[in-house]
Amino acid sequence: MSEGGYKVVIKGYGDSERGKFYIEQELAELFNIEQKVAKKLLEVSGESPRDVKLNVNSETAERYLKALKATGADGEVIDTRFDFSHLSLE
């Protein structure tokens, strides 16, 4: 198991049959935030994924993703160990 190098992002509402209201409600409970904040987070994340947890090991990242998806939200684990996007050849 590697140390660090993964991040979990939220990508908006999932393809759940639950309905947006219930997804917002459960996400608000998970993050201990107001439902209107959760709604805004889900809407904005649909346009551009938002980080939920940074620099964790793969096991922790999968735990966070599982909890996130249990709310009905869509998310993803991204391997950042070999991210060279900040480098330039110029």
PDB file of N, CA and C in Angstrom:
ATOM      1  N   MET A   1       0.848  -1.176   0.000  1.00  0.00           N
ATOM      2  CA  MET A   1       0.000   0.000   0.000  1.00  0.00           C
ATOM      3  C   MET A   1       0.890   1.235   0.000  1.00  0.00           C
ATOM      4  N   SER A   2       0.660   2.108  -0.897  1.00  0.00           N
ATOM      5  CA  SER A   2       1.488   3.303  -0.993  1.00  0.00           C
ATOM      6  C   SER A   2       1.032   4.365  -0.005  1.00  0.00           C
ATOM      7  N   GLU A   3       1.952   5.228   0.369  1.00  0.00           N
ATOM      8  CA  GLU A   3       1.650   6.344   1.255  1.00  0.00           C
ATOM      9  C   GLU A   3       1.384   7.581   0.415  1.00  0.00           C
ATOM     10  N   GLY A   4       0.238   8.191   0.599  1.00  0.00           N
ATOM     11  CA  GLY A   4      -0.084   9.418  -0.119  1.00  0.00           C
ATOM     12  C   GLY A   4      -0.166   9.205  -1.620  1.00  0.00           C
ATOM     13  N   GLY A   5      -0.386  10.292  -2.311  1.00  0.00           N
ATOM     14  CA  GLY A   5      -0.369  10.226  -3.763  1.00  0.00           C
ATOM     15  C   GLY A   5      -1.713  10.043  -4.427  1.00  0.00           C
ATOM     16  N   TYR A   6      -2.789  10.024  -3.670  1.00  0.00           N
ATOM     17  CA  TYR A   6      -4.117   9.898  -4.256  1.00  0.00           C
ATOM     18  C   TYR A   6      -4.984  11.036  -3.765  1.00  0.00           C
ATOM     19  N   LYS A   7      -5.957  11.412  -4.592  1.00  0.00           N
ATOM     20  CA  LYS A   7      -6.934  12.391  -4.140  1.00  0.00           C
ATOM     21  C   LYS A   7      -8.320  11.924  -4.547  1.00  0.00           C
ATOM     22  N   VAL A   8      -9.302  12.380  -3.793  1.00  0.00           N
ATOM     23  CA  VAL A   8     -10.693  12.052  -4.063  1.00  0.00           C
ATOM     24  C   VAL A   8     -11.384  13.336  -4.494  1.00  0.00           C
ATOM     25  N   VAL A   9     -12.096  13.266  -5.603  1.00  0.00           N
ATOM     26  CA  VAL A   9     -12.821  14.438  -6.094  1.00  0.00           C
ATOM     27  C   VAL A   9     -14.309  14.119  -6.201  1.00  0.00           C
ATOM     28  N   ILE A  10     -15.121  15.156  -6.016  1.00  0.00           N
ATOM     29  CA  ILE A  10     -16.559  15.033  -6.214  1.00  0.00           C
ATOM     30  C   ILE A  10     -16.862  15.623  -7.584  1.00  0.00           C
ATOM     31  N   LYS A  11     -17.710  14.902  -8.341  1.00  0.00           N
ATOM     32  CA  LYS A  11     -17.981  15.298  -9.721  1.00  0.00           C
ATOM     33  C   LYS A  11     -19.439  15.680  -9.950  1.00  0.00           C
ATOM     34  N   GLY A  12     -20.190  15.853  -8.878  1.00  0.00           N
ATOM     35  CA  GLY A  12     -21.582  16.265  -9.022  1.00  0.00           C
ATOM     36  C   GLY A  12     -22.546  15.166  -8.626  1.00  0.00           C
ATOM     37  N   TYR A  13     -23.763  15.286  -9.106  1.00  0.00           N
ATOM     38  CA  TYR A  13     -24.804  14.299  -8.813  1.00  0.00           C
ATOM     39  C   TYR A  13     -24.507  13.016  -9.568  1.00  0.00           C
ATOM     40  N   GLY A  14     -24.755  11.900  -8.919  1.00  0.00           N
ATOM     41  CA  GLY A  14     -24.572  10.612  -9.567  1.00  0.00           C
ATOM     42  C   GLY A  14     -25.792  10.257 -10.397  1.00  0.00           C
ATOM     43  N   ASP A  15     -25.816   9.062 -10.907  1.00  0.00           N
ATOM     44  CA  ASP A  15     -26.935   8.591 -11.719  1.00  0.00           C
ATOM     45  C   ASP A  15     -27.970   7.878 -10.859  1.00  0.00           C
ATOM     46  N   SER A  16     -28.099   8.337  -9.640  1.00  0.00           N
ATOM     47  CA  SER A  16     -28.970   7.686  -8.678  1.00  0.00           C
ATOM     48  C   SER A  16     -30.437   7.977  -8.957  1.00  0.00           C
ATOM     49  N   GLU A  17     -31.273   7.061  -8.567  1.00  0.00           N
ATOM     50  CA  GLU A  17     -32.717   7.231  -8.682  1.00  0.00           C
ATOM     51  C   GLU A  17     -33.268   7.986  -7.472  1.00  0.00           C
ATOM     52  N   ARG A  18     -32.414   8.356  -6.550  1.00  0.00           N
ATOM     53  CA  ARG A  18     -32.829   8.946  -5.286  1.00  0.00           C
ATOM     54  C   ARG A  18     -33.416  10.335  -5.408  1.00  0.00           C
ATOM     55  N   GLY A  19     -32.948  11.113  -6.315  1.00  0.00           N
ATOM     56  CA  GLY A  19     -33.389  12.492  -6.430  1.00  0.00           C
ATOM     57  C   GLY A  19     -32.360  13.429  -5.827  1.00  0.00           C
ATOM     58  N   LYS A  20     -32.254  14.583  -6.423  1.00  0.00           N
ATOM     59  CA  LYS A  20     -31.231  15.548  -6.021  1.00  0.00           C
ATOM     60  C   LYS A  20     -31.369  15.986  -4.573  1.00  0.00           C
ATOM     61  N   PHE A  21     -32.597  16.200  -4.112  1.00  0.00           N
ATOM     62  CA  PHE A  21     -32.829  16.656  -2.741  1.00  0.00           C
ATOM     63  C   PHE A  21     -32.201  15.697  -1.738  1.00  0.00           C
ATOM     64  N   TYR A  22     -32.411  14.400  -1.933  1.00  0.00           N
ATOM     65  CA  TYR A  22     -31.894  13.402  -0.985  1.00  0.00           C
ATOM     66  C   TYR A  22     -30.378  13.278  -1.063  1.00  0.00           C
ATOM     67  N   ILE A  23     -29.831  13.423  -2.254  1.00  0.00           N
ATOM     68  CA  ILE A  23     -28.371  13.407  -2.402  1.00  0.00           C
ATOM     69  C   ILE A  23     -27.774  14.598  -1.667  1.00  0.00           C
ATOM     70  N   GLU A  24     -28.356  15.767  -1.855  1.00  0.00           N
ATOM     71  CA  GLU A  24     -27.883  16.976  -1.164  1.00  0.00           C
ATOM     72  C   GLU A  24     -27.966  16.809   0.344  1.00  0.00           C
ATOM     73  N   GLN A  25     -29.080  16.250   0.811  1.00  0.00           N
ATOM     74  CA  GLN A  25     -29.293  16.062   2.239  1.00  0.00           C
ATOM     75  C   GLN A  25     -28.241  15.125   2.837  1.00  0.00           C
ATOM     76  N   GLU A  26     -27.992  13.999   2.190  1.00  0.00           N
ATOM     77  CA  GLU A  26     -27.018  13.034   2.705  1.00  0.00           C
ATOM     78  C   GLU A  26     -25.588  13.565   2.619  1.00  0.00           C
ATOM     79  N   LEU A  27     -25.279  14.300   1.560  1.00  0.00           N
ATOM     80  CA  LEU A  27     -23.948  14.888   1.436  1.00  0.00           C
ATOM     81  C   LEU A  27     -23.730  15.928   2.536  1.00  0.00           C
ATOM     82  N   ALA A  28     -24.768  16.712   2.824  1.00  0.00           N
ATOM     83  CA  ALA A  28     -24.682  17.710   3.895  1.00  0.00           C
ATOM     84  C   ALA A  28     -24.408  17.033   5.234  1.00  0.00           C
ATOM     85  N   GLU A  29     -25.076  15.916   5.489  1.00  0.00           N
ATOM     86  CA  GLU A  29     -24.842  15.171   6.732  1.00  0.00           C
ATOM     87  C   GLU A  29     -23.428  14.600   6.773  1.00  0.00           C
ATOM     88  N   LEU A  30     -22.954  14.077   5.661  1.00  0.00           N
ATOM     89  CA  LEU A  30     -21.617  13.480   5.596  1.00  0.00           C
ATOM     90  C   LEU A  30     -20.534  14.507   5.906  1.00  0.00           C
ATOM     91  N   PHE A  31     -20.650  15.697   5.325  1.00  0.00           N
ATOM     92  CA  PHE A  31     -19.638  16.744   5.507  1.00  0.00           C
ATOM     93  C   PHE A  31     -19.950  17.695   6.652  1.00  0.00           C
ATOM     94  N   ASN A  32     -21.116  17.495   7.292  1.00  0.00           N
ATOM     95  CA  ASN A  32     -21.545  18.364   8.391  1.00  0.00           C
ATOM     96  C   ASN A  32     -21.628  19.823   7.937  1.00  0.00           C
ATOM     97  N   ILE A  33     -22.329  20.019   6.816  1.00  0.00           N
ATOM     98  CA  ILE A  33     -22.536  21.352   6.257  1.00  0.00           C
ATOM     99  C   ILE A  33     -24.033  21.545   6.015  1.00  0.00           C
ATOM    100  N   GLU A  34     -24.427  22.779   5.734  1.00  0.00           N
ATOM    101  CA  GLU A  34     -25.828  23.050   5.435  1.00  0.00           C
ATOM    102  C   GLU A  34     -26.189  22.458   4.070  1.00  0.00           C
ATOM    103  N   GLN A  35     -27.455  22.123   3.917  1.00  0.00           N
ATOM    104  CA  GLN A  35     -27.905  21.501   2.674  1.00  0.00           C
ATOM    105  C   GLN A  35     -27.737  22.434   1.482  1.00  0.00           C
ATOM    106  N   LYS A  36     -27.931  23.732   1.677  1.00  0.00           N
ATOM    107  CA  LYS A  36     -27.774  24.660   0.553  1.00  0.00           C
ATOM    108  C   LYS A  36     -26.311  24.733   0.107  1.00  0.00           C
ATOM    109  N   VAL A  37     -25.386  24.538   1.041  1.00  0.00           N
ATOM    110  CA  VAL A  37     -23.957  24.503   0.688  1.00  0.00           C
ATOM    111  C   VAL A  37     -23.659  23.219  -0.089  1.00  0.00           C
ATOM    112  N   ALA A  38     -24.232  22.120   0.348  1.00  0.00           N
ATOM    113  CA  ALA A  38     -24.050  20.845  -0.355  1.00  0.00           C
ATOM    114  C   ALA A  38     -24.602  20.935  -1.773  1.00  0.00           C
ATOM    115  N   LYS A  39     -25.754  21.595  -1.924  1.00  0.00           N
ATOM    116  CA  LYS A  39     -26.354  21.758  -3.249  1.00  0.00           C
ATOM    117  C   LYS A  39     -25.416  22.540  -4.165  1.00  0.00           C
ATOM    118  N   LYS A  40     -24.871  23.627  -3.664  1.00  0.00           N
ATOM    119  CA  LYS A  40     -23.952  24.453  -4.451  1.00  0.00           C
ATOM    120  C   LYS A  40     -22.696  23.654  -4.818  1.00  0.00           C
ATOM    121  N   LEU A  41     -22.179  22.883  -3.856  1.00  0.00           N
ATOM    122  CA  LEU A  41     -21.002  22.055  -4.102  1.00  0.00           C
ATOM    123  C   LEU A  41     -21.264  21.049  -5.216  1.00  0.00           C
ATOM    124  N   LEU A  42     -22.411  20.410  -5.188  1.00  0.00           N
ATOM    125  CA  LEU A  42     -22.753  19.433  -6.215  1.00  0.00           C
ATOM    126  C   LEU A  42     -22.927  20.081  -7.582  1.00  0.00           C
ATOM    127  N   GLU A  43     -23.556  21.245  -7.620  1.00  0.00           N
ATOM    128  CA  GLU A  43     -23.758  21.936  -8.892  1.00  0.00           C
ATOM    129  C   GLU A  43     -22.442  22.400  -9.504  1.00  0.00           C
ATOM    130  N   VAL A  44     -21.594  22.996  -8.695  1.00  0.00           N
ATOM    131  CA  VAL A  44     -20.296  23.493  -9.168  1.00  0.00           C
ATOM    132  C   VAL A  44     -19.395  22.327  -9.563  1.00  0.00           C
ATOM    133  N   SER A  45     -19.444  21.241  -8.796  1.00  0.00           N
ATOM    134  CA  SER A  45     -18.605  20.075  -9.075  1.00  0.00           C
ATOM    135  C   SER A  45     -18.984  19.407 -10.382  1.00  0.00           C
ATOM    136  N   GLY A  46     -20.238  19.562 -10.798  1.00  0.00           N
ATOM    137  CA  GLY A  46     -20.667  19.000 -12.076  1.00  0.00           C
ATOM    138  C   GLY A  46     -19.964  19.671 -13.236  1.00  0.00           C
ATOM    139  N   GLU A  47     -19.596  20.927 -13.067  1.00  0.00           N
ATOM    140  CA  GLU A  47     -18.888  21.670 -14.107  1.00  0.00           C
ATOM    141  C   GLU A  47     -17.383  21.453 -14.023  1.00  0.00           C
ATOM    142  N   SER A  48     -16.866  21.397 -12.814  1.00  0.00           N
ATOM    143  CA  SER A  48     -15.436  21.226 -12.588  1.00  0.00           C
ATOM    144  C   SER A  48     -15.247  20.463 -11.277  1.00  0.00           C
ATOM    145  N   PRO A  49     -14.743  19.223 -11.325  1.00  0.00           N
ATOM    146  CA  PRO A  49     -14.613  18.416 -10.114  1.00  0.00           C
ATOM    147  C   PRO A  49     -13.888  19.154  -8.985  1.00  0.00           C
ATOM    148  N   ARG A  50     -14.362  18.948  -7.766  1.00  0.00           N
ATOM    149  CA  ARG A  50     -13.795  19.589  -6.578  1.00  0.00           C
ATOM    150  C   ARG A  50     -13.106  18.548  -5.705  1.00  0.00           C
ATOM    151  N   ASP A  51     -11.972  18.916  -5.144  1.00  0.00           N
ATOM    152  CA  ASP A  51     -11.233  18.016  -4.259  1.00  0.00           C
ATOM    153  C   ASP A  51     -11.983  17.820  -2.950  1.00  0.00           C
ATOM    154  N   VAL A  52     -12.023  16.565  -2.504  1.00  0.00           N
ATOM    155  CA  VAL A  52     -12.617  16.224  -1.219  1.00  0.00           C
ATOM    156  C   VAL A  52     -11.509  15.889  -0.230  1.00  0.00           C
ATOM    157  N   LYS A  53     -10.538  15.110  -0.670  1.00  0.00           N
ATOM    158  CA  LYS A  53      -9.429  14.699   0.192  1.00  0.00           C
ATOM    159  C   LYS A  53      -8.176  14.597  -0.666  1.00  0.00           C
ATOM    160  N   LEU A  54      -7.087  15.159  -0.173  1.00  0.00           N
ATOM    161  CA  LEU A  54      -5.828  15.186  -0.917  1.00  0.00           C
ATOM    162  C   LEU A  54      -4.744  14.386  -0.212  1.00  0.00           C
ATOM    163  N   ASN A  55      -3.823  13.852  -1.004  1.00  0.00           N
ATOM    164  CA  ASN A  55      -2.613  13.205  -0.519  1.00  0.00           C
ATOM    165  C   ASN A  55      -2.880  12.119   0.520  1.00  0.00           C
ATOM    166  N   VAL A  56      -3.715  11.162   0.148  1.00  0.00           N
ATOM    167  CA  VAL A  56      -4.003  10.023   1.011  1.00  0.00           C
ATOM    168  C   VAL A  56      -3.560   8.748   0.312  1.00  0.00           C
ATOM    169  N   ASN A  57      -3.473   7.657   1.061  1.00  0.00           N
ATOM    170  CA  ASN A  57      -3.109   6.386   0.440  1.00  0.00           C
ATOM    171  C   ASN A  57      -4.326   5.812  -0.271  1.00  0.00           C
ATOM    172  N   SER A  58      -4.137   4.804  -1.066  1.00  0.00           N
ATOM    173  CA  SER A  58      -5.218   4.274  -1.907  1.00  0.00           C
ATOM    174  C   SER A  58      -6.360   3.696  -1.080  1.00  0.00           C
ATOM    175  N   GLU A  59      -6.052   3.071   0.029  1.00  0.00           N
ATOM    176  CA  GLU A  59      -7.085   2.495   0.895  1.00  0.00           C
ATOM    177  C   GLU A  59      -7.988   3.586   1.468  1.00  0.00           C
ATOM    178  N   THR A  60      -7.398   4.646   1.946  1.00  0.00           N
ATOM    179  CA  THR A  60      -8.164   5.770   2.495  1.00  0.00           C
ATOM    180  C   THR A  60      -8.985   6.437   1.393  1.00  0.00           C
ATOM    181  N   ALA A  61      -8.394   6.610   0.235  1.00  0.00           N
ATOM    182  CA  ALA A  61      -9.105   7.221  -0.886  1.00  0.00           C
ATOM    183  C   ALA A  61     -10.330   6.402  -1.258  1.00  0.00           C
ATOM    184  N   GLU A  62     -10.205   5.096  -1.301  1.00  0.00           N
ATOM    185  CA  GLU A  62     -11.338   4.233  -1.629  1.00  0.00           C
ATOM    186  C   GLU A  62     -12.423   4.309  -0.559  1.00  0.00           C
ATOM    187  N   ARG A  63     -12.046   4.441   0.705  1.00  0.00           N
ATOM    188  CA  ARG A  63     -13.026   4.600   1.787  1.00  0.00           C
ATOM    189  C   ARG A  63     -13.824   5.891   1.607  1.00  0.00           C
ATOM    190  N   TYR A  64     -13.125   6.980   1.309  1.00  0.00           N
ATOM    191  CA  TYR A  64     -13.790   8.264   1.087  1.00  0.00           C
ATOM    192  C   TYR A  64     -14.720   8.188  -0.122  1.00  0.00           C
ATOM    193  N   LEU A  65     -14.257   7.561  -1.185  1.00  0.00           N
ATOM    194  CA  LEU A  65     -15.067   7.439  -2.392  1.00  0.00           C
ATOM    195  C   LEU A  65     -16.333   6.620  -2.126  1.00  0.00           C
ATOM    196  N   LYS A  66     -16.188   5.546  -1.378  1.00  0.00           N
ATOM    197  CA  LYS A  66     -17.334   4.704  -1.045  1.00  0.00           C
ATOM    198  C   LYS A  66     -18.371   5.499  -0.250  1.00  0.00           C
ATOM    199  N   ALA A  67     -17.919   6.283   0.731  1.00  0.00           N
ATOM    200  CA  ALA A  67     -18.837   7.107   1.526  1.00  0.00           C
ATOM    201  C   ALA A  67     -19.505   8.167   0.660  1.00  0.00           C
ATOM    202  N   LEU A  68     -18.743   8.753  -0.241  1.00  0.00           N
ATOM    203  CA  LEU A  68     -19.270   9.780  -1.136  1.00  0.00           C
ATOM    204  C   LEU A  68     -20.343   9.195  -2.056  1.00  0.00           C
ATOM    205  N   LYS A  69     -20.058   8.039  -2.626  1.00  0.00           N
ATOM    206  CA  LYS A  69     -21.012   7.413  -3.544  1.00  0.00           C
ATOM    207  C   LYS A  69     -22.247   6.896  -2.812  1.00  0.00           C
ATOM    208  N   ALA A  70     -22.112   6.577  -1.528  1.00  0.00           N
ATOM    209  CA  ALA A  70     -23.267   6.132  -0.741  1.00  0.00           C
ATOM    210  C   ALA A  70     -24.305   7.241  -0.606  1.00  0.00           C
ATOM    211  N   THR A  71     -23.884   8.484  -0.729  1.00  0.00           N
ATOM    212  CA  THR A  71     -24.829   9.604  -0.676  1.00  0.00           C
ATOM    213  C   THR A  71     -25.575   9.766  -1.997  1.00  0.00           C
ATOM    214  N   GLY A  72     -25.067   9.174  -3.060  1.00  0.00           N
ATOM    215  CA  GLY A  72     -25.653   9.325  -4.384  1.00  0.00           C
ATOM    216  C   GLY A  72     -24.867  10.281  -5.263  1.00  0.00           C
ATOM    217  N   ALA A  73     -23.827  10.889  -4.698  1.00  0.00           N
ATOM    218  CA  ALA A  73     -22.977  11.799  -5.474  1.00  0.00           C
ATOM    219  C   ALA A  73     -22.003  10.981  -6.325  1.00  0.00           C
ATOM    220  N   ASP A  74     -21.473  11.626  -7.344  1.00  0.00           N
ATOM    221  CA  ASP A  74     -20.499  10.985  -8.224  1.00  0.00           C
ATOM    222  C   ASP A  74     -19.110  11.463  -7.818  1.00  0.00           C
ATOM    223  N   GLY A  75     -18.158  10.567  -7.786  1.00  0.00           N
ATOM    224  CA  GLY A  75     -16.795  10.929  -7.417  1.00  0.00           C
ATOM    225  C   GLY A  75     -15.790  10.041  -8.093  1.00  0.00           C
ATOM    226  N   GLU A  76     -14.524  10.308  -7.810  1.00  0.00           N
ATOM    227  CA  GLU A  76     -13.449   9.560  -8.457  1.00  0.00           C
ATOM    228  C   GLU A  76     -12.186   9.654  -7.600  1.00  0.00           C
ATOM    229  N   VAL A  77     -11.389   8.591  -7.626  1.00  0.00           N
ATOM    230  CA  VAL A  77     -10.059   8.594  -7.017  1.00  0.00           C
ATOM    231  C   VAL A  77      -9.064   8.847  -8.134  1.00  0.00           C
ATOM    232  N   ILE A  78      -8.182   9.812  -7.923  1.00  0.00           N
ATOM    233  CA  ILE A  78      -7.183  10.157  -8.928  1.00  0.00           C
ATOM    234  C   ILE A  78      -5.790   9.911  -8.355  1.00  0.00           C
ATOM    235  N   ASP A  79      -4.990   9.181  -9.109  1.00  0.00           N
ATOM    236  CA  ASP A  79      -3.604   8.898  -8.721  1.00  0.00           C
ATOM    237  C   ASP A  79      -2.754  10.111  -9.092  1.00  0.00           C
ATOM    238  N   THR A  80      -2.224  10.788  -8.095  1.00  0.00           N
ATOM    239  CA  THR A  80      -1.417  11.990  -8.345  1.00  0.00           C
ATOM    240  C   THR A  80       0.073  11.750  -8.112  1.00  0.00           C
ATOM    241  N   ARG A  81       0.453  10.499  -7.946  1.00  0.00           N
ATOM    242  CA  ARG A  81       1.864  10.202  -7.693  1.00  0.00           C
ATOM    243  C   ARG A  81       2.751  10.585  -8.860  1.00  0.00           C
ATOM    244  N   PHE A  82       2.222  10.505 -10.058  1.00  0.00           N
ATOM    245  CA  PHE A  82       3.025  10.783 -11.244  1.00  0.00           C
ATOM    246  C   PHE A  82       2.431  11.933 -12.048  1.00  0.00           C
ATOM    247  N   ASP A  83       1.940  12.941 -11.358  1.00  0.00           N
ATOM    248  CA  ASP A  83       1.331  14.099 -12.005  1.00  0.00           C
ATOM    249  C   ASP A  83       2.427  15.098 -12.361  1.00  0.00           C
ATOM    250  N   PHE A  84       2.658  15.255 -13.648  1.00  0.00           N
ATOM    251  CA  PHE A  84       3.677  16.184 -14.125  1.00  0.00           C
ATOM    252  C   PHE A  84       3.062  17.384 -14.812  1.00  0.00           C
ATOM    253  N   SER A  85       1.778  17.628 -14.567  1.00  0.00           N
ATOM    254  CA  SER A  85       1.070  18.704 -15.268  1.00  0.00           C
ATOM    255  C   SER A  85       1.608  20.083 -14.910  1.00  0.00           C
ATOM    256  N   HIS A  86       2.270  20.204 -13.763  1.00  0.00           N
ATOM    257  CA  HIS A  86       2.793  21.499 -13.354  1.00  0.00           C
ATOM    258  C   HIS A  86       4.165  21.793 -13.968  1.00  0.00           C
ATOM    259  N   LEU A  87       4.740  20.811 -14.656  1.00  0.00           N
ATOM    260  CA  LEU A  87       6.051  21.024 -15.284  1.00  0.00           C
ATOM    261  C   LEU A  87       5.903  21.596 -16.686  1.00  0.00           C
ATOM    262  N   SER A  88       6.920  22.297 -17.114  1.00  0.00           N
ATOM    263  CA  SER A  88       6.898  22.911 -18.441  1.00  0.00           C
ATOM    264  C   SER A  88       8.204  22.580 -19.163  1.00  0.00           C
ATOM    265  N   LEU A  89       8.118  22.419 -20.465  1.00  0.00           N
ATOM    266  CA  LEU A  89       9.320  22.141 -21.267  1.00  0.00           C
ATOM    267  C   LEU A  89       9.924  23.431 -21.798  1.00  0.00           C
ATOM    268  N   GLU A  90       9.315  24.548 -21.495  1.00  0.00           N
ATOM    269  CA  GLU A  90       9.810  25.839 -21.980  1.00  0.00           C
ATOM    270  C   GLU A  90      10.895  26.384 -21.090  1.00  0.00           C
TER     271      GLU A  90
END
